[in-house]
Amino acid sequence: VKNELDAVRDRLPTKAEIDKWVKLGILDVDDYVGYMGQHGYSDEVIGFYLQELATELTG
């Protein structure tokens, strides 16, 4: 039986989709942080992922 949090996560875009949308300019940093927080990632881990994305985007 899924709990309520799992049901919400099932309706959210995946991390891969969120990353892709940031790279395409569809989402901004605030959107990214919001979605990742809804997936249960801590602020620290979200920061690490943002650093990774920034490195990928700037080459």
C-alpha atoms as a PDB file:
ATOM      1  CA  VAL A   1       0.000   0.000   0.000  1.00  0.00           C
ATOM      2  CA  LYS A   2       1.420   3.337  -1.028  1.00  0.00           C
ATOM      3  CA  ASN A   3       1.394   6.127   1.437  1.00  0.00           C
ATOM      4  CA  GLU A   4       0.289   9.630   0.556  1.00  0.00           C
ATOM      5  CA  LEU A   5       3.847  10.890  -0.054  1.00  0.00           C
ATOM      6  CA  ASP A   6       4.532   8.088  -2.554  1.00  0.00           C
ATOM      7  CA  ALA A   7       1.313   8.954  -4.377  1.00  0.00           C
ATOM      8  CA  VAL A   8       2.391  12.598  -4.684  1.00  0.00           C
ATOM      9  CA  ARG A   9       5.849  11.617  -5.928  1.00  0.00           C
ATOM     10  CA  ASP A  10       4.283   9.426  -8.597  1.00  0.00           C
ATOM     11  CA  ARG A  11       2.643  12.545 -10.053  1.00  0.00           C
ATOM     12  CA  LEU A  12       5.841  14.612 -10.074  1.00  0.00           C
ATOM     13  CA  PRO A  13       8.281  14.746 -12.977  1.00  0.00           C
ATOM     14  CA  THR A  14      11.326  12.525 -12.500  1.00  0.00           C
ATOM     15  CA  LYS A  15      14.699  13.949 -11.522  1.00  0.00           C
ATOM     16  CA  ALA A  16      15.914  13.265 -15.070  1.00  0.00           C
ATOM     17  CA  GLU A  17      13.001  15.269 -16.487  1.00  0.00           C
ATOM     18  CA  ILE A  18      13.614  18.117 -14.046  1.00  0.00           C
ATOM     19  CA  ASP A  19      17.332  18.205 -14.938  1.00  0.00           C
ATOM     20  CA  LYS A  20      16.494  18.219 -18.654  1.00  0.00           C
ATOM     21  CA  TRP A  21      13.981  21.052 -18.273  1.00  0.00           C
ATOM     22  CA  VAL A  22      16.551  23.171 -16.426  1.00  0.00           C
ATOM     23  CA  LYS A  23      19.084  22.563 -19.205  1.00  0.00           C
ATOM     24  CA  LEU A  24      16.475  23.577 -21.796  1.00  0.00           C
ATOM     25  CA  GLY A  25      15.590  26.721 -19.850  1.00  0.00           C
ATOM     26  CA  ILE A  26      12.047  25.541 -19.131  1.00  0.00           C
ATOM     27  CA  LEU A  27      12.600  25.608 -15.357  1.00  0.00           C
ATOM     28  CA  ASP A  28      14.637  28.072 -13.327  1.00  0.00           C
ATOM     29  CA  VAL A  29      16.604  27.393 -10.146  1.00  0.00           C
ATOM     30  CA  ASP A  30      13.654  28.143  -7.870  1.00  0.00           C
ATOM     31  CA  ASP A  31      11.474  25.659  -9.775  1.00  0.00           C
ATOM     32  CA  TYR A  32      14.268  23.080  -9.592  1.00  0.00           C
ATOM     33  CA  VAL A  33      14.662  23.501  -5.834  1.00  0.00           C
ATOM     34  CA  GLY A  34      10.910  23.217  -5.354  1.00  0.00           C
ATOM     35  CA  TYR A  35      10.534  20.018  -7.359  1.00  0.00           C
ATOM     36  CA  MET A  36      13.591  18.414  -5.783  1.00  0.00           C
ATOM     37  CA  GLY A  37      12.301  19.298  -2.323  1.00  0.00           C
ATOM     38  CA  GLN A  38       8.996  17.650  -3.169  1.00  0.00           C
ATOM     39  CA  HIS A  39      10.964  14.528  -4.066  1.00  0.00           C
ATOM     40  CA  GLY A  40      12.407  14.581  -0.549  1.00  0.00           C
ATOM     41  CA  TYR A  41      15.958  15.733  -1.309  1.00  0.00           C
ATOM     42  CA  SER A  42      17.648  17.766   1.434  1.00  0.00           C
ATOM     43  CA  ASP A  43      18.777  21.337   0.751  1.00  0.00           C
ATOM     44  CA  GLU A  44      22.388  20.168   0.894  1.00  0.00           C
ATOM     45  CA  VAL A  45      21.873  17.475  -1.742  1.00  0.00           C
ATOM     46  CA  ILE A  46      19.884  19.867  -3.942  1.00  0.00           C
ATOM     47  CA  GLY A  47      22.854  22.222  -3.759  1.00  0.00           C
ATOM     48  CA  PHE A  48      25.179  19.459  -4.932  1.00  0.00           C
ATOM     49  CA  TYR A  49      22.893  18.695  -7.862  1.00  0.00           C
ATOM     50  CA  LEU A  50      22.747  22.395  -8.755  1.00  0.00           C
ATOM     51  CA  GLN A  51      26.548  22.535  -8.779  1.00  0.00           C
ATOM     52  CA  GLU A  52      26.596  19.523 -11.087  1.00  0.00           C
ATOM     53  CA  LEU A  53      24.064  21.127 -13.450  1.00  0.00           C
ATOM     54  CA  ALA A  54      25.985  24.410 -13.472  1.00  0.00           C
ATOM     55  CA  THR A  55      29.171  22.556 -14.415  1.00  0.00           C
ATOM     56  CA  GLU A  56      27.373  20.740 -17.227  1.00  0.00           C
ATOM     57  CA  LEU A  57      25.830  23.960 -18.541  1.00  0.00           C
ATOM     58  CA  THR A  58      29.048  25.978 -18.478  1.00  0.00           C
ATOM     59  CA  GLY A  59      31.227  23.185 -19.795  1.00  0.00           C
END
